[in-house]
N, C-alpha and C. Protein backbone atom coordinates (compact mmCIF):
# COMPACT_ATOMS: atom_id res chain seq x y z
N MET A 1 123.91 98.58 125.26
CA MET A 1 122.62 98.72 125.91
C MET A 1 121.78 99.79 125.21
N LYS A 2 122.41 100.93 124.86
CA LYS A 2 121.68 102.00 124.19
C LYS A 2 121.20 101.53 122.82
N ASN A 3 122.06 100.77 122.12
CA ASN A 3 121.66 100.27 120.80
C ASN A 3 120.47 99.32 120.90
N THR A 4 120.49 98.45 121.88
CA THR A 4 119.38 97.51 122.07
C THR A 4 118.09 98.25 122.38
N LEU A 5 118.15 99.23 123.25
CA LEU A 5 116.98 100.02 123.59
C LEU A 5 116.46 100.77 122.37
N PHE A 6 117.35 101.33 121.58
CA PHE A 6 116.96 102.04 120.37
C PHE A 6 116.25 101.10 119.39
N ILE A 7 116.80 99.90 119.21
CA ILE A 7 116.21 98.93 118.29
C ILE A 7 114.82 98.51 118.77
N VAL A 8 114.68 98.26 120.05
CA VAL A 8 113.38 97.87 120.60
C VAL A 8 112.36 98.99 120.44
N LEU A 9 112.74 100.21 120.75
CA LEU A 9 111.82 101.35 120.60
C LEU A 9 111.45 101.57 119.14
N PHE A 10 112.42 101.42 118.25
CA PHE A 10 112.16 101.58 116.82
C PHE A 10 111.15 100.52 116.35
N PHE A 11 111.33 99.28 116.80
CA PHE A 11 110.43 98.19 116.44
C PHE A 11 109.02 98.44 116.98
N VAL A 12 108.90 98.84 118.22
CA VAL A 12 107.59 99.11 118.83
C VAL A 12 106.90 100.27 118.12
N PHE A 13 107.64 101.32 117.80
CA PHE A 13 107.06 102.46 117.08
C PHE A 13 106.56 102.01 115.70
N GLY A 14 107.34 101.17 115.03
CA GLY A 14 106.94 100.65 113.72
C GLY A 14 105.64 99.86 113.80
N LEU A 15 105.50 99.04 114.81
CA LEU A 15 104.26 98.28 114.99
C LEU A 15 103.07 99.20 115.25
N ALA A 16 103.29 100.23 116.05
CA ALA A 16 102.21 101.18 116.36
C ALA A 16 101.76 101.90 115.10
N VAL A 17 102.70 102.36 114.29
CA VAL A 17 102.37 103.08 113.06
C VAL A 17 101.63 102.15 112.09
N THR A 18 102.09 100.91 111.97
CA THR A 18 101.42 99.95 111.09
C THR A 18 99.98 99.73 111.53
N GLY A 19 99.73 99.62 112.81
CA GLY A 19 98.37 99.45 113.31
C GLY A 19 97.50 100.65 113.03
N ILE A 20 98.05 101.85 113.13
CA ILE A 20 97.29 103.07 112.85
C ILE A 20 96.92 103.13 111.38
N VAL A 21 97.87 102.83 110.50
CA VAL A 21 97.61 102.85 109.06
C VAL A 21 96.53 101.83 108.72
N HIS A 22 96.63 100.63 109.29
CA HIS A 22 95.64 99.58 109.04
C HIS A 22 94.26 100.03 109.52
N ALA A 23 94.19 100.63 110.67
CA ALA A 23 92.91 101.07 111.23
C ALA A 23 92.29 102.16 110.37
N GLN A 24 93.09 103.02 109.76
CA GLN A 24 92.55 104.08 108.92
C GLN A 24 92.11 103.55 107.56
N ARG A 25 92.69 102.45 107.10
CA ARG A 25 92.33 101.91 105.79
C ARG A 25 90.95 101.26 105.82
N PHE A 26 90.60 100.57 106.90
CA PHE A 26 89.34 99.85 106.99
C PHE A 26 88.40 100.55 107.96
N VAL A 27 87.22 100.92 107.48
CA VAL A 27 86.24 101.64 108.29
C VAL A 27 85.05 100.71 108.56
N ASP A 28 84.80 100.43 109.83
CA ASP A 28 83.66 99.61 110.24
C ASP A 28 82.46 100.53 110.42
N HIS A 29 81.40 100.28 109.65
CA HIS A 29 80.20 101.12 109.71
C HIS A 29 79.22 100.66 110.77
N HIS A 30 79.52 99.57 111.47
CA HIS A 30 78.67 99.02 112.53
C HIS A 30 77.28 98.67 112.04
N ASP A 31 77.16 98.32 110.75
CA ASP A 31 75.89 97.87 110.19
C ASP A 31 76.07 96.57 109.39
N GLY A 32 77.17 95.87 109.68
CA GLY A 32 77.47 94.63 108.96
C GLY A 32 78.38 94.84 107.77
N THR A 33 78.84 96.09 107.55
CA THR A 33 79.71 96.38 106.42
C THR A 33 81.00 97.04 106.88
N VAL A 34 82.04 96.87 106.05
CA VAL A 34 83.35 97.49 106.28
C VAL A 34 83.80 98.06 104.94
N THR A 35 84.37 99.26 104.95
CA THR A 35 84.89 99.87 103.73
C THR A 35 86.41 99.83 103.72
N ASP A 36 86.97 99.38 102.59
CA ASP A 36 88.40 99.43 102.34
C ASP A 36 88.65 100.76 101.63
N THR A 37 89.22 101.73 102.34
CA THR A 37 89.39 103.07 101.78
C THR A 37 90.47 103.12 100.70
N GLN A 38 91.36 102.13 100.65
CA GLN A 38 92.40 102.13 99.60
C GLN A 38 91.78 101.88 98.23
N TYR A 39 90.82 100.95 98.16
CA TYR A 39 90.18 100.62 96.89
C TYR A 39 88.75 101.12 96.79
N ASN A 40 88.27 101.79 97.84
CA ASN A 40 86.90 102.31 97.89
C ASN A 40 85.88 101.20 97.65
N LEU A 41 86.08 100.08 98.35
CA LEU A 41 85.17 98.94 98.25
C LEU A 41 84.49 98.70 99.59
N MET A 42 83.26 98.25 99.53
CA MET A 42 82.54 97.91 100.75
C MET A 42 82.36 96.39 100.80
N TRP A 43 82.63 95.82 101.97
CA TRP A 43 82.56 94.38 102.17
C TRP A 43 81.56 94.07 103.27
N THR A 44 81.02 92.84 103.26
CA THR A 44 80.24 92.39 104.40
C THR A 44 81.21 91.86 105.44
N LYS A 45 80.89 92.01 106.70
CA LYS A 45 81.73 91.47 107.76
C LYS A 45 81.56 89.96 107.86
N ASP A 46 80.42 89.46 107.43
CA ASP A 46 80.15 88.03 107.45
C ASP A 46 80.64 87.43 106.13
N ALA A 47 81.56 86.48 106.19
CA ALA A 47 82.13 85.90 104.98
C ALA A 47 81.13 85.06 104.19
N ASN A 48 80.03 84.68 104.80
CA ASN A 48 79.05 83.83 104.13
C ASN A 48 77.64 84.26 104.52
N PRO A 49 77.23 85.48 104.15
CA PRO A 49 75.96 86.02 104.64
C PRO A 49 74.72 85.33 104.08
N LEU A 50 74.84 84.66 102.96
CA LEU A 50 73.68 84.02 102.35
C LEU A 50 73.61 82.52 102.58
N GLY A 51 74.61 81.94 103.21
CA GLY A 51 74.65 80.50 103.39
C GLY A 51 75.30 79.82 102.20
N LYS A 52 75.21 78.48 102.15
CA LYS A 52 75.81 77.71 101.05
C LYS A 52 74.79 77.49 99.95
N PHE A 53 75.24 77.67 98.69
CA PHE A 53 74.40 77.46 97.52
C PHE A 53 75.24 76.86 96.40
N LYS A 54 74.57 76.25 95.44
CA LYS A 54 75.24 75.87 94.20
C LYS A 54 75.50 77.15 93.43
N TRP A 55 76.45 77.12 92.48
CA TRP A 55 76.90 78.33 91.79
C TRP A 55 75.74 79.13 91.19
N ASP A 56 74.89 78.50 90.38
CA ASP A 56 73.80 79.22 89.72
C ASP A 56 72.84 79.83 90.72
N ASP A 57 72.53 79.10 91.77
CA ASP A 57 71.65 79.63 92.81
C ASP A 57 72.30 80.81 93.53
N ALA A 58 73.60 80.72 93.75
CA ALA A 58 74.32 81.81 94.42
C ALA A 58 74.32 83.07 93.57
N VAL A 59 74.51 82.93 92.26
CA VAL A 59 74.49 84.10 91.36
C VAL A 59 73.12 84.76 91.40
N ASP A 60 72.05 83.95 91.37
CA ASP A 60 70.70 84.52 91.45
C ASP A 60 70.48 85.25 92.77
N ARG A 61 70.91 84.65 93.87
CA ARG A 61 70.74 85.28 95.19
C ARG A 61 71.53 86.58 95.29
N CYS A 62 72.75 86.60 94.74
CA CYS A 62 73.59 87.80 94.83
C CYS A 62 72.99 88.97 94.07
N SER A 63 72.30 88.69 92.98
CA SER A 63 71.75 89.79 92.18
C SER A 63 70.69 90.58 92.94
N SER A 64 70.07 89.96 93.94
CA SER A 64 69.04 90.68 94.71
C SER A 64 69.46 90.94 96.15
N PHE A 65 70.69 90.60 96.51
CA PHE A 65 71.17 90.75 97.88
C PHE A 65 71.52 92.20 98.19
N SER A 66 71.11 92.68 99.34
CA SER A 66 71.46 94.01 99.80
C SER A 66 71.76 93.92 101.29
N LEU A 67 72.76 94.64 101.74
CA LEU A 67 73.12 94.63 103.15
C LEU A 67 73.15 96.06 103.65
N ALA A 68 72.37 96.35 104.64
CA ALA A 68 72.30 97.68 105.25
C ALA A 68 71.95 98.75 104.22
N GLY A 69 71.15 98.37 103.21
CA GLY A 69 70.72 99.33 102.20
C GLY A 69 71.81 99.72 101.22
N LYS A 70 72.91 98.98 101.19
CA LYS A 70 74.04 99.29 100.31
C LYS A 70 73.88 98.55 98.98
N MET A 71 74.84 98.76 98.08
CA MET A 71 74.80 98.13 96.76
C MET A 71 74.76 96.61 96.87
N SER A 72 74.36 95.96 95.79
CA SER A 72 74.23 94.51 95.82
C SER A 72 75.60 93.84 95.90
N LEU A 73 75.60 92.63 96.40
CA LEU A 73 76.83 91.85 96.54
C LEU A 73 77.47 91.59 95.19
N GLN A 74 76.68 91.38 94.16
CA GLN A 74 77.22 91.09 92.84
C GLN A 74 78.07 92.26 92.34
N LYS A 75 77.64 93.49 92.52
CA LYS A 75 78.42 94.65 92.08
C LYS A 75 79.74 94.74 92.84
N VAL A 76 79.71 94.43 94.10
CA VAL A 76 80.94 94.46 94.90
C VAL A 76 81.93 93.44 94.38
N ILE A 77 81.46 92.25 94.05
CA ILE A 77 82.35 91.20 93.54
C ILE A 77 82.99 91.65 92.23
N VAL A 78 82.24 92.25 91.32
CA VAL A 78 82.80 92.71 90.05
C VAL A 78 83.84 93.79 90.29
N ASN A 79 83.54 94.78 91.10
CA ASN A 79 84.50 95.85 91.38
C ASN A 79 85.74 95.32 92.09
N GLN A 80 85.57 94.44 93.04
CA GLN A 80 86.68 93.89 93.80
C GLN A 80 87.62 93.12 92.90
N ALA A 81 87.10 92.40 91.94
CA ALA A 81 87.95 91.60 91.06
C ALA A 81 88.75 92.48 90.11
N ALA A 82 88.21 93.61 89.70
CA ALA A 82 88.87 94.44 88.70
C ALA A 82 89.94 95.35 89.29
N ILE A 83 89.69 95.98 90.39
CA ILE A 83 90.61 97.00 90.91
C ILE A 83 91.97 96.45 91.32
N PRO A 84 92.06 95.41 92.14
CA PRO A 84 93.39 94.93 92.51
C PRO A 84 94.19 94.43 91.31
N GLN A 85 93.55 93.86 90.30
CA GLN A 85 94.27 93.40 89.12
C GLN A 85 94.88 94.58 88.37
N ARG A 86 94.13 95.65 88.22
CA ARG A 86 94.68 96.82 87.54
C ARG A 86 95.86 97.39 88.30
N SER A 87 95.75 97.49 89.61
CA SER A 87 96.84 98.07 90.39
C SER A 87 98.07 97.17 90.37
N SER A 88 97.89 95.84 90.38
CA SER A 88 99.05 94.95 90.36
C SER A 88 99.74 94.98 89.01
N ARG A 89 99.02 95.22 87.94
CA ARG A 89 99.65 95.33 86.62
C ARG A 89 100.54 96.56 86.55
N ARG A 90 100.12 97.64 87.17
CA ARG A 90 100.93 98.87 87.15
C ARG A 90 102.23 98.70 87.92
N GLU A 91 102.19 97.87 88.95
CA GLU A 91 103.37 97.69 89.79
C GLU A 91 104.45 96.88 89.11
N HIS A 92 104.10 96.03 88.12
CA HIS A 92 105.09 95.15 87.49
C HIS A 92 105.70 95.77 86.28
């Protein structure tokens, strides 16, 4: 019985710690943006803020897109693509 209680408490504590770490990694600015503090990237909360476009039209729209006065969407895409690849190369 003591072992079962210990295992359950250990599991619950682990879930609580995981939630705290996750909450600290992502910061909601309440202006339509969220920052990933691990990679220092800012994301839009809306997965499709500009609607649907053909590729060339989407690239043109992204170059002038701004959300809450932050950097353009195009810059975020370039930074987002580069950082995780560099970190995954170091891990292997």
